[in-house]
Amino acid sequence: MGEVSDAVHNIGEVAQATGPSSPHPYEGIGELAAALDEFDVRFVIKYKFWFMRASHQLQIVSNCKVVSQIGFA
């Protein structure tokens, strides 16, 4: 969640040209688009990792239930 907050903050600074007079790292042509693309990639990778882990956990729970049912049959 902190990364989302930082990204929104950076976008706001770039859009309003606030802050010090030196150029912002994302102020160059195409820099903001590149930063947003990088953010999207990171978000997708983290989501896929979470989804795969959650899916794996559900599979383990399901297998444990099957084993426990077979053991008590």
PDB file of N, CA and C in Angstrom:
ATOM      1  N   MET A   1       0.826  -1.190   0.000  1.00  0.00           N
ATOM      2  CA  MET A   1       0.000   0.000   0.000  1.00  0.00           C
ATOM      3  C   MET A   1       0.867   1.249   0.000  1.00  0.00           C
ATOM      4  N   GLY A   2       2.025   1.171   0.630  1.00  0.00           N
ATOM      5  CA  GLY A   2       2.931   2.301   0.656  1.00  0.00           C
ATOM      6  C   GLY A   2       3.428   2.673  -0.726  1.00  0.00           C
ATOM      7  N   GLU A   3       3.641   1.666  -1.579  1.00  0.00           N
ATOM      8  CA  GLU A   3       4.101   1.934  -2.938  1.00  0.00           C
ATOM      9  C   GLU A   3       3.036   2.676  -3.730  1.00  0.00           C
ATOM     10  N   VAL A   4       1.781   2.323  -3.517  1.00  0.00           N
ATOM     11  CA  VAL A   4       0.687   3.010  -4.206  1.00  0.00           C
ATOM     12  C   VAL A   4       0.644   4.466  -3.760  1.00  0.00           C
ATOM     13  N   SER A   5       0.776   4.687  -2.465  1.00  0.00           N
ATOM     14  CA  SER A   5       0.761   6.049  -1.930  1.00  0.00           C
ATOM     15  C   SER A   5       1.924   6.865  -2.484  1.00  0.00           C
ATOM     16  N   ASP A   6       3.114   6.271  -2.528  1.00  0.00           N
ATOM     17  CA  ASP A   6       4.279   6.964  -3.083  1.00  0.00           C
ATOM     18  C   ASP A   6       4.074   7.294  -4.562  1.00  0.00           C
ATOM     19  N   ALA A   7       3.514   6.349  -5.305  1.00  0.00           N
ATOM     20  CA  ALA A   7       3.283   6.578  -6.730  1.00  0.00           C
ATOM     21  C   ALA A   7       2.302   7.719  -6.949  1.00  0.00           C
ATOM     22  N   VAL A   8       1.216   7.736  -6.188  1.00  0.00           N
ATOM     23  CA  VAL A   8       0.220   8.806  -6.322  1.00  0.00           C
ATOM     24  C   VAL A   8       0.843  10.144  -5.936  1.00  0.00           C
ATOM     25  N   HIS A   9       1.651  10.152  -4.889  1.00  0.00           N
ATOM     26  CA  HIS A   9       2.327  11.378  -4.463  1.00  0.00           C
ATOM     27  C   HIS A   9       3.249  11.892  -5.569  1.00  0.00           C
ATOM     28  N   ASN A  10       4.043  10.999  -6.143  1.00  0.00           N
ATOM     29  CA  ASN A  10       4.952  11.401  -7.224  1.00  0.00           C
ATOM     30  C   ASN A  10       4.199  11.924  -8.433  1.00  0.00           C
ATOM     31  N   ILE A  11       3.099  11.276  -8.783  1.00  0.00           N
ATOM     32  CA  ILE A  11       2.289  11.727  -9.923  1.00  0.00           C
ATOM     33  C   ILE A  11       1.747  13.129  -9.649  1.00  0.00           C
ATOM     34  N   GLY A  12       1.287  13.364  -8.427  1.00  0.00           N
ATOM     35  CA  GLY A  12       0.776  14.681  -8.067  1.00  0.00           C
ATOM     36  C   GLY A  12       1.847  15.754  -8.158  1.00  0.00           C
ATOM     37  N   GLU A  13       3.053  15.444  -7.670  1.00  0.00           N
ATOM     38  CA  GLU A  13       4.147  16.420  -7.742  1.00  0.00           C
ATOM     39  C   GLU A  13       4.518  16.731  -9.189  1.00  0.00           C
ATOM     40  N   VAL A  14       4.577  15.708 -10.014  1.00  0.00           N
ATOM     41  CA  VAL A  14       4.929  15.913 -11.415  1.00  0.00           C
ATOM     42  C   VAL A  14       3.844  16.730 -12.116  1.00  0.00           C
ATOM     43  N   ALA A  15       2.599  16.398 -11.872  1.00  0.00           N
ATOM     44  CA  ALA A  15       1.494  17.065 -12.561  1.00  0.00           C
ATOM     45  C   ALA A  15       1.389  18.537 -12.177  1.00  0.00           C
ATOM     46  N   GLN A  16       1.689  18.861 -10.916  1.00  0.00           N
ATOM     47  CA  GLN A  16       1.530  20.236 -10.457  1.00  0.00           C
ATOM     48  C   GLN A  16       2.850  21.007 -10.417  1.00  0.00           C
ATOM     49  N   ALA A  17       3.938  20.361 -10.735  1.00  0.00           N
ATOM     50  CA  ALA A  17       5.258  20.997 -10.729  1.00  0.00           C
ATOM     51  C   ALA A  17       5.557  21.617  -9.371  1.00  0.00           C
ATOM     52  N   THR A  18       5.248  20.896  -8.311  1.00  0.00           N
ATOM     53  CA  THR A  18       5.545  21.368  -6.961  1.00  0.00           C
ATOM     54  C   THR A  18       6.922  20.890  -6.548  1.00  0.00           C
ATOM     55  N   GLY A  19       7.428  21.435  -5.488  1.00  0.00           N
ATOM     56  CA  GLY A  19       8.704  20.987  -4.957  1.00  0.00           C
ATOM     57  C   GLY A  19       9.845  21.885  -5.384  1.00  0.00           C
ATOM     58  N   PRO A  20      11.064  21.386  -5.210  1.00  0.00           N
ATOM     59  CA  PRO A  20      12.241  22.203  -5.516  1.00  0.00           C
ATOM     60  C   PRO A  20      12.343  22.540  -7.006  1.00  0.00           C
ATOM     61  N   SER A  21      13.178  23.516  -7.294  1.00  0.00           N
ATOM     62  CA  SER A  21      13.286  23.968  -8.675  1.00  0.00           C
ATOM     63  C   SER A  21      14.087  23.019  -9.564  1.00  0.00           C
ATOM     64  N   SER A  22      14.825  22.107  -8.958  1.00  0.00           N
ATOM     65  CA  SER A  22      15.549  21.135  -9.779  1.00  0.00           C
ATOM     66  C   SER A  22      14.566  20.149 -10.387  1.00  0.00           C
ATOM     67  N   PRO A  23      14.872  19.607 -11.568  1.00  0.00           N
ATOM     68  CA  PRO A  23      13.924  18.707 -12.245  1.00  0.00           C
ATOM     69  C   PRO A  23      13.642  17.455 -11.418  1.00  0.00           C
ATOM     70  N   HIS A  24      12.421  17.069 -11.446  1.00  0.00           N
ATOM     71  CA  HIS A  24      11.992  15.831 -10.781  1.00  0.00           C
ATOM     72  C   HIS A  24      12.477  14.663 -11.631  1.00  0.00           C
ATOM     73  N   PRO A  25      12.824  13.524 -11.028  1.00  0.00           N
ATOM     74  CA  PRO A  25      13.309  12.388 -11.822  1.00  0.00           C
ATOM     75  C   PRO A  25      12.334  11.931 -12.907  1.00  0.00           C
ATOM     76  N   TYR A  26      11.044  12.175 -12.720  1.00  0.00           N
ATOM     77  CA  TYR A  26      10.052  11.731 -13.701  1.00  0.00           C
ATOM     78  C   TYR A  26       9.589  12.852 -14.617  1.00  0.00           C
ATOM     79  N   GLU A  27      10.314  13.982 -14.627  1.00  0.00           N
ATOM     80  CA  GLU A  27       9.867  15.135 -15.397  1.00  0.00           C
ATOM     81  C   GLU A  27      10.226  15.088 -16.872  1.00  0.00           C
ATOM     82  N   GLY A  28      11.170  14.250 -17.259  1.00  0.00           N
ATOM     83  CA  GLY A  28      11.570  14.176 -18.655  1.00  0.00           C
ATOM     84  C   GLY A  28      10.479  13.593 -19.526  1.00  0.00           C
ATOM     85  N   ILE A  29      10.629  13.761 -20.813  1.00  0.00           N
ATOM     86  CA  ILE A  29       9.640  13.249 -21.764  1.00  0.00           C
ATOM     87  C   ILE A  29       9.571  11.726 -21.640  1.00  0.00           C
ATOM     88  N   GLY A  30       8.403  11.227 -21.393  1.00  0.00           N
ATOM     89  CA  GLY A  30       8.192   9.788 -21.310  1.00  0.00           C
ATOM     90  C   GLY A  30       8.561   9.172 -19.973  1.00  0.00           C
ATOM     91  N   GLU A  31       9.128   9.948 -19.060  1.00  0.00           N
ATOM     92  CA  GLU A  31       9.550   9.398 -17.771  1.00  0.00           C
ATOM     93  C   GLU A  31       8.348   8.983 -16.918  1.00  0.00           C
ATOM     94  N   LEU A  32       7.312   9.792 -16.914  1.00  0.00           N
ATOM     95  CA  LEU A  32       6.131   9.455 -16.128  1.00  0.00           C
ATOM     96  C   LEU A  32       5.480   8.186 -16.666  1.00  0.00           C
ATOM     97  N   ALA A  33       5.385   8.087 -17.989  1.00  0.00           N
ATOM     98  CA  ALA A  33       4.809   6.878 -18.590  1.00  0.00           C
ATOM     99  C   ALA A  33       5.645   5.654 -18.245  1.00  0.00           C
ATOM    100  N   ALA A  34       6.963   5.808 -18.277  1.00  0.00           N
ATOM    101  CA  ALA A  34       7.843   4.685 -17.926  1.00  0.00           C
ATOM    102  C   ALA A  34       7.672   4.301 -16.468  1.00  0.00           C
ATOM    103  N   ALA A  35       7.531   5.289 -15.599  1.00  0.00           N
ATOM    104  CA  ALA A  35       7.338   5.004 -14.173  1.00  0.00           C
ATOM    105  C   ALA A  35       6.013   4.280 -13.942  1.00  0.00           C
ATOM    106  N   LEU A  36       4.974   4.707 -14.640  1.00  0.00           N
ATOM    107  CA  LEU A  36       3.674   4.036 -14.504  1.00  0.00           C
ATOM    108  C   LEU A  36       3.719   2.616 -15.042  1.00  0.00           C
ATOM    109  N   ASP A  37       4.428   2.407 -16.146  1.00  0.00           N
ATOM    110  CA  ASP A  37       4.595   1.055 -16.689  1.00  0.00           C
ATOM    111  C   ASP A  37       5.326   0.160 -15.690  1.00  0.00           C
ATOM    112  N   GLU A  38       6.381   0.688 -15.080  1.00  0.00           N
ATOM    113  CA  GLU A  38       7.131  -0.082 -14.096  1.00  0.00           C
ATOM    114  C   GLU A  38       6.259  -0.424 -12.893  1.00  0.00           C
ATOM    115  N   PHE A  39       5.448   0.543 -12.466  1.00  0.00           N
ATOM    116  CA  PHE A  39       4.527   0.299 -11.355  1.00  0.00           C
ATOM    117  C   PHE A  39       3.537  -0.808 -11.711  1.00  0.00           C
ATOM    118  N   ASP A  40       2.980  -0.754 -12.918  1.00  0.00           N
ATOM    119  CA  ASP A  40       2.038  -1.787 -13.363  1.00  0.00           C
ATOM    120  C   ASP A  40       2.679  -3.163 -13.344  1.00  0.00           C
ATOM    121  N   VAL A  41       3.909  -3.252 -13.839  1.00  0.00           N
ATOM    122  CA  VAL A  41       4.607  -4.535 -13.883  1.00  0.00           C
ATOM    123  C   VAL A  41       4.814  -5.071 -12.466  1.00  0.00           C
ATOM    124  N   ARG A  42       5.259  -4.207 -11.566  1.00  0.00           N
ATOM    125  CA  ARG A  42       5.478  -4.642 -10.180  1.00  0.00           C
ATOM    126  C   ARG A  42       4.180  -5.098  -9.536  1.00  0.00           C
ATOM    127  N   PHE A  43       3.105  -4.361  -9.784  1.00  0.00           N
ATOM    128  CA  PHE A  43       1.815  -4.708  -9.199  1.00  0.00           C
ATOM    129  C   PHE A  43       1.338  -6.055  -9.719  1.00  0.00           C
ATOM    130  N   VAL A  44       1.444  -6.280 -11.021  1.00  0.00           N
ATOM    131  CA  VAL A  44       1.011  -7.547 -11.620  1.00  0.00           C
ATOM    132  C   VAL A  44       1.836  -8.698 -11.078  1.00  0.00           C
ATOM    133  N   ILE A  45       3.148  -8.523 -10.972  1.00  0.00           N
ATOM    134  CA  ILE A  45       4.010  -9.588 -10.458  1.00  0.00           C
ATOM    135  C   ILE A  45       3.638  -9.922  -9.021  1.00  0.00           C
ATOM    136  N   LYS A  46       3.422  -8.904  -8.195  1.00  0.00           N
ATOM    137  CA  LYS A  46       3.057  -9.159  -6.793  1.00  0.00           C
ATOM    138  C   LYS A  46       1.697  -9.853  -6.707  1.00  0.00           C
ATOM    139  N   TYR A  47       0.737  -9.434  -7.555  1.00  0.00           N
ATOM    140  CA  TYR A  47      -0.575 -10.066  -7.541  1.00  0.00           C
ATOM    141  C   TYR A  47      -0.471 -11.526  -7.951  1.00  0.00           C
ATOM    142  N   LYS A  48       0.292 -11.797  -9.006  1.00  0.00           N
ATOM    143  CA  LYS A  48       0.438 -13.184  -9.462  1.00  0.00           C
ATOM    144  C   LYS A  48       1.088 -14.040  -8.391  1.00  0.00           C
ATOM    145  N   PHE A  49       2.101 -13.505  -7.705  1.00  0.00           N
ATOM    146  CA  PHE A  49       2.767 -14.244  -6.635  1.00  0.00           C
ATOM    147  C   PHE A  49       1.777 -14.550  -5.519  1.00  0.00           C
ATOM    148  N   TRP A  50       0.986 -13.535  -5.122  1.00  0.00           N
ATOM    149  CA  TRP A  50       0.006 -13.738  -4.056  1.00  0.00           C
ATOM    150  C   TRP A  50      -1.032 -14.766  -4.487  1.00  0.00           C
ATOM    151  N   PHE A  51      -1.526 -14.655  -5.718  1.00  0.00           N
ATOM    152  CA  PHE A  51      -2.553 -15.564  -6.207  1.00  0.00           C
ATOM    153  C   PHE A  51      -2.034 -16.998  -6.256  1.00  0.00           C
ATOM    154  N   MET A  52      -0.793 -17.162  -6.744  1.00  0.00           N
ATOM    155  CA  MET A  52      -0.222 -18.508  -6.824  1.00  0.00           C
ATOM    156  C   MET A  52      -0.058 -19.108  -5.435  1.00  0.00           C
ATOM    157  N   ARG A  53       0.388 -18.272  -4.468  1.00  0.00           N
ATOM    158  CA  ARG A  53       0.570 -18.760  -3.097  1.00  0.00           C
ATOM    159  C   ARG A  53      -0.772 -19.135  -2.481  1.00  0.00           C
ATOM    160  N   ALA A  54      -1.784 -18.290  -2.694  1.00  0.00           N
ATOM    161  CA  ALA A  54      -3.113 -18.566  -2.142  1.00  0.00           C
ATOM    162  C   ALA A  54      -3.699 -19.821  -2.775  1.00  0.00           C
ATOM    163  N   SER A  55      -3.516 -19.974  -4.082  1.00  0.00           N
ATOM    164  CA  SER A  55      -4.000 -21.155  -4.777  1.00  0.00           C
ATOM    165  C   SER A  55      -3.315 -22.410  -4.242  1.00  0.00           C
ATOM    166  N   HIS A  56      -2.019 -22.302  -3.999  1.00  0.00           N
ATOM    167  CA  HIS A  56      -1.252 -23.428  -3.462  1.00  0.00           C
ATOM    168  C   HIS A  56      -1.755 -23.807  -2.068  1.00  0.00           C
ATOM    169  N   GLN A  57      -2.046 -22.804  -1.253  1.00  0.00           N
ATOM    170  CA  GLN A  57      -2.558 -23.071   0.093  1.00  0.00           C
ATOM    171  C   GLN A  57      -3.916 -23.779   0.031  1.00  0.00           C
ATOM    172  N   LEU A  58      -4.775 -23.347  -0.879  1.00  0.00           N
ATOM    173  CA  LEU A  58      -6.080 -24.000  -1.013  1.00  0.00           C
ATOM    174  C   LEU A  58      -5.927 -25.450  -1.453  1.00  0.00           C
ATOM    175  N   GLN A  59      -4.976 -25.713  -2.326  1.00  0.00           N
ATOM    176  CA  GLN A  59      -4.726 -27.075  -2.778  1.00  0.00           C
ATOM    177  C   GLN A  59      -4.237 -27.939  -1.614  1.00  0.00           C
ATOM    178  N   ILE A  60      -3.371 -27.407  -0.776  1.00  0.00           N
ATOM    179  CA  ILE A  60      -2.883 -28.157   0.382  1.00  0.00           C
ATOM    180  C   ILE A  60      -4.022 -28.475   1.335  1.00  0.00           C
ATOM    181  N   VAL A  61      -4.869 -27.500   1.608  1.00  0.00           N
ATOM    182  CA  VAL A  61      -6.012 -27.719   2.498  1.00  0.00           C
ATOM    183  C   VAL A  61      -6.935 -28.779   1.918  1.00  0.00           C
ATOM    184  N   SER A  62      -7.196 -28.693   0.620  1.00  0.00           N
ATOM    185  CA  SER A  62      -8.063 -29.673  -0.031  1.00  0.00           C
ATOM    186  C   SER A  62      -7.474 -31.075   0.072  1.00  0.00           C
ATOM    187  N   ASN A  63      -6.181 -31.206  -0.174  1.00  0.00           N
ATOM    188  CA  ASN A  63      -5.525 -32.513  -0.081  1.00  0.00           C
ATOM    189  C   ASN A  63      -5.546 -33.055   1.341  1.00  0.00           C
ATOM    190  N   CYS A  64      -5.388 -32.192   2.309  1.00  0.00           N
ATOM    191  CA  CYS A  64      -5.442 -32.624   3.709  1.00  0.00           C
ATOM    192  C   CYS A  64      -6.830 -33.143   4.062  1.00  0.00           C
ATOM    193  N   LYS A  65      -7.856 -32.488   3.544  1.00  0.00           N
ATOM    194  CA  LYS A  65      -9.228 -32.947   3.799  1.00  0.00           C
ATOM    195  C   LYS A  65      -9.446 -34.332   3.202  1.00  0.00           C
ATOM    196  N   VAL A  66      -8.953 -34.538   1.990  1.00  0.00           N
ATOM    197  CA  VAL A  66      -9.089 -35.839   1.336  1.00  0.00           C
ATOM    198  C   VAL A  66      -8.379 -36.907   2.158  1.00  0.00           C
ATOM    199  N   VAL A  67      -7.172 -36.617   2.584  1.00  0.00           N
ATOM    200  CA  VAL A  67      -6.408 -37.586   3.368  1.00  0.00           C
ATOM    201  C   VAL A  67      -7.124 -37.894   4.681  1.00  0.00           C
ATOM    202  N   SER A  68      -7.658 -36.879   5.326  1.00  0.00           N
ATOM    203  CA  SER A  68      -8.343 -37.119   6.614  1.00  0.00           C
ATOM    204  C   SER A  68      -9.613 -37.932   6.403  1.00  0.00           C
ATOM    205  N   GLN A  69     -10.325 -37.734   5.293  1.00  0.00           N
ATOM    206  CA  GLN A  69     -11.530 -38.505   5.012  1.00  0.00           C
ATOM    207  C   GLN A  69     -11.189 -39.964   4.716  1.00  0.00           C
ATOM    208  N   ILE A  70     -10.122 -40.182   4.001  1.00  0.00           N
ATOM    209  CA  ILE A  70      -9.681 -41.553   3.689  1.00  0.00           C
ATOM    210  C   ILE A  70      -9.227 -42.252   4.959  1.00  0.00           C
ATOM    211  N   GLY A  71      -8.543 -41.516   5.823  1.00  0.00           N
ATOM    212  CA  GLY A  71      -8.038 -42.105   7.063  1.00  0.00           C
ATOM    213  C   GLY A  71      -9.140 -42.533   8.006  1.00  0.00           C
ATOM    214  N   PHE A  72     -10.285 -41.868   7.967  1.00  0.00           N
ATOM    215  CA  PHE A  72     -11.381 -42.180   8.886  1.00  0.00           C
ATOM    216  C   PHE A  72     -12.477 -43.008   8.232  1.00  0.00           C
ATOM    217  N   ALA A  73     -12.305 -43.376   6.986  1.00  0.00           N
ATOM    218  CA  ALA A  73     -13.345 -44.142   6.272  1.00  0.00           C
ATOM    219  C   ALA A  73     -13.363 -45.591   6.719  1.00  0.00           C
TER     220      ALA A  73
END
